Structure formats: C-alpha cells, structure tokens
C-alpha cells in the first residue's frame, strides 16, 4: 500500500482489498457480503476523485494501525482504529467532492423494489 502512494488509483485498489479482507477475516458473513456488495460502487465513485486525495499516507498508516491491532488480537483497539479511519475517510472524501447519494439511489433502484423503502 505504501508503495502506491504516488499512484492514487492503485492505492485505491489496495484500500478496497484491505477493507474486504478485514471484513472477511471478521467471520461475519453479513459484513463480508455487505462489503463485497458496496465495494464496486465505492470504488467507481472514489476512482473519479482519488487523484485529488491528500490523505493517502495517513490512510495507509491507519490501515497499518488496524492491521497491527488485529494481529495482536486487540479487538477494541482494532475497532477504535477502524472507527477513526472511517471518520477520516469520510471527511477526506467530502473534501474530494464525493457525494454518495447518487450511488445509494443507483443501489436501491437495483434491488427489485423500485427504490421504495419503508422504515
């Protein structure tokens, strides 16, 4: 991942693989399936703006922190590190101009219910 800091699209490939691997390693089949379902949408959306990203090194360092907590079997540290990482990613993507509302609409239209949801 660190080797691709100067290649944002390649970094994004590693980023998506990292998150899919962590989801799979969790043993939570629902989380894994959810991550796999949204990965393509997230990748396609983020690919358009990742070249403007200024936080790739910080993101890679956060991935390392998450990985180390998992490797050391420290679930609370891993959870907190992932939370911090996702919050940073949300702020960074907002700065890149990413609006996931369009992606959510596309996703809901493809689920067979015409995009109609009730709470």
N, C-alpha and C. Protein backbone atom coordinates (compact mmCIF):
# COMPACT_ATOMS: atom_id res chain seq x y z
N UNK A 1 0.82 -1.18 0.00
CA UNK A 1 0.00 0.00 0.00
C UNK A 1 0.87 1.26 0.00
N UNK A 2 1.89 1.28 0.84
CA UNK A 2 2.76 2.46 0.88
C UNK A 2 3.47 2.67 -0.45
N UNK A 3 3.74 1.58 -1.16
CA UNK A 3 4.42 1.67 -2.45
C UNK A 3 3.57 2.36 -3.51
N UNK A 4 2.28 2.45 -3.28
CA UNK A 4 1.40 3.06 -4.28
C UNK A 4 0.92 4.46 -3.89
N UNK A 5 1.57 5.10 -2.94
CA UNK A 5 1.16 6.43 -2.52
C UNK A 5 1.18 7.45 -3.65
N UNK A 6 2.07 7.26 -4.62
CA UNK A 6 2.16 8.18 -5.76
C UNK A 6 1.26 7.76 -6.92
N UNK A 7 0.51 6.68 -6.74
CA UNK A 7 -0.41 6.19 -7.77
C UNK A 7 -1.79 6.02 -7.12
N UNK A 8 -2.56 7.10 -7.04
CA UNK A 8 -3.82 7.06 -6.29
C UNK A 8 -4.79 5.96 -6.71
N UNK A 9 -4.92 5.68 -7.99
CA UNK A 9 -5.86 4.62 -8.38
C UNK A 9 -5.38 3.25 -7.91
N UNK A 10 -4.08 3.01 -7.97
CA UNK A 10 -3.55 1.74 -7.46
C UNK A 10 -3.71 1.67 -5.95
N UNK A 11 -3.50 2.79 -5.28
CA UNK A 11 -3.71 2.85 -3.84
C UNK A 11 -5.15 2.46 -3.51
N UNK A 12 -6.08 2.98 -4.31
CA UNK A 12 -7.50 2.69 -4.09
C UNK A 12 -7.79 1.19 -4.21
N UNK A 13 -7.14 0.53 -5.14
CA UNK A 13 -7.29 -0.93 -5.28
C UNK A 13 -6.86 -1.61 -3.98
N UNK A 14 -5.70 -1.21 -3.45
CA UNK A 14 -5.20 -1.80 -2.20
C UNK A 14 -6.14 -1.46 -1.04
N UNK A 15 -6.66 -0.26 -1.02
CA UNK A 15 -7.57 0.19 0.02
C UNK A 15 -8.82 -0.70 0.04
N UNK A 16 -9.41 -0.92 -1.10
CA UNK A 16 -10.61 -1.75 -1.18
C UNK A 16 -10.31 -3.19 -0.76
N UNK A 17 -9.18 -3.72 -1.20
CA UNK A 17 -8.80 -5.09 -0.81
C UNK A 17 -8.60 -5.20 0.70
N UNK A 18 -8.00 -4.18 1.29
CA UNK A 18 -7.78 -4.19 2.73
C UNK A 18 -9.12 -4.30 3.46
N UNK A 19 -10.07 -3.45 3.08
CA UNK A 19 -11.36 -3.45 3.77
C UNK A 19 -12.13 -4.75 3.53
N UNK A 20 -12.04 -5.30 2.33
CA UNK A 20 -12.70 -6.57 2.05
C UNK A 20 -12.05 -7.70 2.85
N UNK A 21 -10.74 -7.66 2.99
CA UNK A 21 -10.02 -8.69 3.75
C UNK A 21 -10.35 -8.61 5.23
N UNK A 22 -10.41 -7.41 5.77
CA UNK A 22 -10.77 -7.25 7.19
C UNK A 22 -12.19 -7.75 7.42
N UNK A 23 -13.10 -7.42 6.52
CA UNK A 23 -14.48 -7.89 6.66
C UNK A 23 -14.52 -9.41 6.62
N UNK A 24 -13.82 -10.02 5.68
CA UNK A 24 -13.81 -11.47 5.57
C UNK A 24 -13.18 -12.12 6.80
N UNK A 25 -12.12 -11.52 7.32
CA UNK A 25 -11.43 -12.07 8.48
C UNK A 25 -12.27 -11.97 9.75
N UNK A 26 -13.25 -11.09 9.73
CA UNK A 26 -14.10 -10.93 10.91
C UNK A 26 -14.94 -12.18 11.18
N UNK A 27 -15.15 -13.00 10.14
CA UNK A 27 -16.00 -14.16 10.29
C UNK A 27 -17.48 -13.81 10.23
N UNK A 28 -17.79 -12.55 10.03
CA UNK A 28 -19.17 -12.10 9.95
C UNK A 28 -19.60 -12.14 8.49
N UNK A 29 -20.39 -13.15 8.15
CA UNK A 29 -20.77 -13.33 6.75
C UNK A 29 -21.63 -12.18 6.22
N UNK A 30 -22.43 -11.59 7.09
CA UNK A 30 -23.25 -10.46 6.66
C UNK A 30 -22.37 -9.26 6.34
N UNK A 31 -21.42 -8.96 7.20
CA UNK A 31 -20.49 -7.85 6.95
C UNK A 31 -19.70 -8.10 5.68
N UNK A 32 -19.23 -9.32 5.49
CA UNK A 32 -18.46 -9.66 4.29
C UNK A 32 -19.31 -9.47 3.04
N UNK A 33 -20.53 -9.96 3.06
CA UNK A 33 -21.41 -9.81 1.91
C UNK A 33 -21.73 -8.34 1.63
N UNK A 34 -21.98 -7.59 2.69
CA UNK A 34 -22.26 -6.16 2.53
C UNK A 34 -21.06 -5.43 1.93
N UNK A 35 -19.89 -5.71 2.45
CA UNK A 35 -18.67 -5.07 1.93
C UNK A 35 -18.46 -5.42 0.47
N UNK A 36 -18.67 -6.67 0.12
CA UNK A 36 -18.50 -7.08 -1.27
C UNK A 36 -19.53 -6.44 -2.19
N UNK A 37 -20.76 -6.25 -1.68
CA UNK A 37 -21.81 -5.62 -2.49
C UNK A 37 -21.52 -4.14 -2.76
N UNK A 38 -21.02 -3.44 -1.77
CA UNK A 38 -20.82 -2.00 -1.94
C UNK A 38 -19.44 -1.66 -2.50
N UNK A 39 -18.54 -2.63 -2.52
CA UNK A 39 -17.16 -2.35 -2.95
C UNK A 39 -17.10 -1.76 -4.35
N UNK A 40 -17.84 -2.30 -5.27
CA UNK A 40 -17.80 -1.81 -6.65
C UNK A 40 -18.33 -0.39 -6.73
N UNK A 41 -19.42 -0.12 -6.06
CA UNK A 41 -19.99 1.23 -6.06
C UNK A 41 -19.00 2.21 -5.44
N UNK A 42 -18.43 1.84 -4.30
CA UNK A 42 -17.47 2.72 -3.64
C UNK A 42 -16.25 2.96 -4.52
N UNK A 43 -15.75 1.89 -5.12
CA UNK A 43 -14.57 2.01 -5.97
C UNK A 43 -14.86 2.93 -7.15
N UNK A 44 -15.97 2.69 -7.84
CA UNK A 44 -16.29 3.50 -9.02
C UNK A 44 -16.49 4.97 -8.67
N UNK A 45 -17.10 5.23 -7.52
CA UNK A 45 -17.33 6.61 -7.09
C UNK A 45 -16.02 7.28 -6.69
N UNK A 46 -15.24 6.60 -5.89
CA UNK A 46 -14.00 7.18 -5.38
C UNK A 46 -12.93 7.31 -6.46
N UNK A 47 -12.96 6.42 -7.44
CA UNK A 47 -11.96 6.45 -8.52
C UNK A 47 -11.98 7.79 -9.26
N UNK A 48 -13.13 8.42 -9.31
CA UNK A 48 -13.28 9.68 -10.02
C UNK A 48 -12.59 10.84 -9.31
N UNK A 49 -12.37 10.71 -8.02
CA UNK A 49 -11.82 11.83 -7.25
C UNK A 49 -10.53 11.53 -6.51
N UNK A 50 -10.12 10.26 -6.47
CA UNK A 50 -8.97 9.89 -5.63
C UNK A 50 -7.69 10.61 -6.03
N UNK A 51 -7.58 11.03 -7.28
CA UNK A 51 -6.36 11.74 -7.70
C UNK A 51 -6.20 13.07 -6.96
N UNK A 52 -7.28 13.56 -6.35
CA UNK A 52 -7.22 14.80 -5.59
C UNK A 52 -6.97 14.56 -4.10
N UNK A 53 -6.86 13.31 -3.71
CA UNK A 53 -6.71 12.96 -2.30
C UNK A 53 -5.39 13.48 -1.76
N UNK A 54 -5.44 13.95 -0.53
CA UNK A 54 -4.23 14.43 0.13
C UNK A 54 -3.91 13.62 1.39
N UNK A 55 -4.71 12.57 1.64
CA UNK A 55 -4.58 11.82 2.88
C UNK A 55 -4.13 10.38 2.70
N UNK A 56 -3.56 10.05 1.55
CA UNK A 56 -3.24 8.64 1.29
C UNK A 56 -2.23 8.08 2.28
N UNK A 57 -1.20 8.84 2.61
CA UNK A 57 -0.21 8.34 3.55
C UNK A 57 -0.83 8.13 4.93
N UNK A 58 -1.65 9.08 5.35
CA UNK A 58 -2.32 8.94 6.65
C UNK A 58 -3.26 7.74 6.64
N UNK A 59 -3.93 7.53 5.53
CA UNK A 59 -4.82 6.37 5.40
C UNK A 59 -4.03 5.07 5.49
N UNK A 60 -2.91 5.00 4.80
CA UNK A 60 -2.06 3.80 4.85
C UNK A 60 -1.55 3.55 6.27
N UNK A 61 -1.19 4.62 6.97
CA UNK A 61 -0.73 4.46 8.35
C UNK A 61 -1.85 3.97 9.25
N UNK A 62 -3.07 4.43 8.99
CA UNK A 62 -4.21 3.95 9.78
C UNK A 62 -4.49 2.48 9.47
N UNK A 63 -4.34 2.08 8.22
CA UNK A 63 -4.51 0.67 7.87
C UNK A 63 -3.48 -0.17 8.64
N UNK A 64 -2.27 0.31 8.71
CA UNK A 64 -1.22 -0.41 9.45
C UNK A 64 -1.60 -0.55 10.92
N UNK A 65 -2.14 0.53 11.50
CA UNK A 65 -2.55 0.50 12.90
C UNK A 65 -3.68 -0.52 13.11
N UNK A 66 -4.64 -0.55 12.20
CA UNK A 66 -5.74 -1.50 12.28
C UNK A 66 -5.20 -2.93 12.18
N UNK A 67 -4.34 -3.15 11.19
CA UNK A 67 -3.75 -4.48 10.98
C UNK A 67 -2.99 -4.95 12.22
N UNK A 68 -2.20 -4.07 12.79
CA UNK A 68 -1.42 -4.47 13.97
C UNK A 68 -2.32 -4.82 15.14
N UNK A 69 -3.38 -4.07 15.34
CA UNK A 69 -4.31 -4.37 16.43
C UNK A 69 -4.97 -5.74 16.21
N UNK A 70 -5.33 -6.02 14.97
CA UNK A 70 -5.92 -7.33 14.66
C UNK A 70 -4.89 -8.44 14.89
N UNK A 71 -3.68 -8.23 14.38
CA UNK A 71 -2.63 -9.24 14.52
C UNK A 71 -2.30 -9.52 15.99
N UNK A 72 -2.37 -8.46 16.81
CA UNK A 72 -2.07 -8.60 18.23
C UNK A 72 -3.30 -9.05 19.04
N UNK A 73 -4.39 -9.35 18.32
CA UNK A 73 -5.64 -9.81 18.94
C UNK A 73 -6.16 -8.81 19.98
N UNK A 74 -6.22 -7.56 19.57
CA UNK A 74 -6.74 -6.48 20.41
C UNK A 74 -7.99 -5.91 19.72
N UNK A 75 -9.13 -6.57 19.90
CA UNK A 75 -10.33 -6.16 19.16
C UNK A 75 -10.79 -4.74 19.45
N UNK A 76 -10.69 -4.30 20.69
CA UNK A 76 -11.14 -2.94 20.99
C UNK A 76 -10.23 -1.90 20.32
N UNK A 77 -8.94 -2.15 20.32
CA UNK A 77 -8.01 -1.24 19.64
C UNK A 77 -8.27 -1.24 18.13
N UNK A 78 -8.56 -2.41 17.58
CA UNK A 78 -8.85 -2.50 16.15
C UNK A 78 -10.14 -1.75 15.82
N UNK A 79 -11.16 -1.93 16.66
CA UNK A 79 -12.44 -1.24 16.44
C UNK A 79 -12.27 0.27 16.49
N UNK A 80 -11.53 0.75 17.48
CA UNK A 80 -11.32 2.19 17.60
C UNK A 80 -10.49 2.73 16.43
N UNK A 81 -9.48 1.99 16.03
CA UNK A 81 -8.65 2.41 14.91
C UNK A 81 -9.47 2.45 13.61
N UNK A 82 -10.33 1.45 13.42
CA UNK A 82 -11.18 1.44 12.23
C UNK A 82 -12.17 2.60 12.27
N UNK A 83 -12.75 2.86 13.43
CA UNK A 83 -13.67 3.99 13.55
C UNK A 83 -12.98 5.30 13.19
N UNK A 84 -11.79 5.50 13.74
CA UNK A 84 -11.03 6.72 13.43
C UNK A 84 -10.72 6.80 11.94
N UNK A 85 -10.36 5.68 11.36
CA UNK A 85 -10.03 5.64 9.94
C UNK A 85 -11.25 5.98 9.08
N UNK A 86 -12.39 5.41 9.40
CA UNK A 86 -13.60 5.68 8.62
C UNK A 86 -14.05 7.13 8.76
N UNK A 87 -13.87 7.70 9.94
CA UNK A 87 -14.22 9.11 10.13
C UNK A 87 -13.30 10.01 9.31
N UNK A 88 -12.00 9.69 9.30
CA UNK A 88 -11.05 10.45 8.48
C UNK A 88 -11.40 10.31 7.01
N UNK A 89 -11.72 9.09 6.59
CA UNK A 89 -12.05 8.85 5.19
C UNK A 89 -13.30 9.63 4.78
N UNK A 90 -14.27 9.68 5.67
CA UNK A 90 -15.50 10.42 5.36
C UNK A 90 -15.19 11.90 5.17
N UNK A 91 -14.38 12.47 6.05
CA UNK A 91 -14.00 13.90 5.91
C UNK A 91 -13.18 14.12 4.65
N UNK A 92 -12.24 13.23 4.37
CA UNK A 92 -11.39 13.38 3.20
C UNK A 92 -12.19 13.28 1.92
N UNK A 93 -13.12 12.34 1.87
CA UNK A 93 -13.93 12.16 0.67
C UNK A 93 -14.87 13.34 0.46
N UNK A 94 -15.36 13.92 1.54
CA UNK A 94 -16.18 15.12 1.42
C UNK A 94 -15.34 16.25 0.83
N UNK A 95 -14.08 16.35 1.25
CA UNK A 95 -13.19 17.37 0.71
C UNK A 95 -12.88 17.13 -0.77
N UNK A 96 -12.90 15.85 -1.18
CA UNK A 96 -12.67 15.49 -2.58
C UNK A 96 -13.92 15.74 -3.43
N UNK A 97 -15.03 16.03 -2.79
CA UNK A 97 -16.26 16.30 -3.52
C UNK A 97 -17.10 15.08 -3.79
N UNK A 98 -16.90 14.00 -3.02
CA UNK A 98 -17.67 12.78 -3.23
C UNK A 98 -19.04 12.93 -2.59
N UNK A 99 -20.07 12.60 -3.36
CA UNK A 99 -21.45 12.59 -2.89
C UNK A 99 -21.99 11.19 -3.14
N UNK A 100 -22.15 10.42 -2.07
CA UNK A 100 -22.60 9.04 -2.23
C UNK A 100 -24.11 8.92 -2.41
N UNK A 101 -24.84 10.03 -2.37
CA UNK A 101 -26.29 9.93 -2.52
C UNK A 101 -26.67 9.37 -3.88
N UNK A 102 -25.93 9.73 -4.94
CA UNK A 102 -26.21 9.17 -6.26
C UNK A 102 -25.97 7.67 -6.28
N UNK A 103 -24.91 7.23 -5.64
CA UNK A 103 -24.59 5.80 -5.60
C UNK A 103 -25.67 5.05 -4.83
N UNK A 104 -26.18 5.63 -3.75
CA UNK A 104 -27.23 4.98 -2.97
C UNK A 104 -28.50 4.84 -3.79
N UNK A 105 -28.82 5.85 -4.60
CA UNK A 105 -30.00 5.77 -5.44
C UNK A 105 -29.86 4.66 -6.47
N UNK A 106 -28.69 4.56 -7.08
CA UNK A 106 -28.45 3.51 -8.07
C UNK A 106 -28.57 2.15 -7.40
N UNK A 107 -28.02 2.02 -6.20
CA UNK A 107 -28.06 0.76 -5.49
C UNK A 107 -29.49 0.37 -5.14
N UNK A 108 -30.28 1.31 -4.66
CA UNK A 108 -31.64 0.98 -4.26
C UNK A 108 -32.52 0.69 -5.47
N UNK A 109 -32.22 1.29 -6.61
CA UNK A 109 -33.00 1.02 -7.81
C UNK A 109 -32.79 -0.40 -8.30
N UNK A 110 -31.64 -0.96 -7.99
CA UNK A 110 -31.31 -2.29 -8.49
C UNK A 110 -31.70 -3.41 -7.56
N UNK A 111 -32.48 -3.13 -6.48
CA UNK A 111 -32.77 -4.19 -5.53
C UNK A 111 -34.12 -4.84 -5.75
N UNK A 112 -34.82 -4.51 -6.82
CA UNK A 112 -36.05 -5.19 -7.14
C UNK A 112 -37.30 -4.56 -6.53
N UNK A 113 -37.15 -3.53 -5.71
CA UNK A 113 -38.34 -2.92 -5.15
C UNK A 113 -38.61 -1.54 -5.70
N UNK A 114 -37.94 -1.20 -6.79
CA UNK A 114 -38.16 0.09 -7.42
C UNK A 114 -37.65 1.27 -6.65
N UNK A 115 -36.82 1.00 -5.64
CA UNK A 115 -36.26 2.09 -4.84
C UNK A 115 -37.19 2.53 -3.74
N UNK A 116 -38.33 1.85 -3.54
CA UNK A 116 -39.26 2.23 -2.48
C UNK A 116 -38.88 1.52 -1.19
N UNK A 117 -38.65 2.31 -0.17
CA UNK A 117 -38.26 1.75 1.13
C UNK A 117 -39.17 2.32 2.19
N UNK A 118 -39.55 1.50 3.11
CA UNK A 118 -40.32 1.96 4.26
C UNK A 118 -39.58 1.60 5.51
N UNK A 119 -39.70 2.46 6.50
CA UNK A 119 -38.99 2.22 7.76
C UNK A 119 -39.75 1.30 8.66
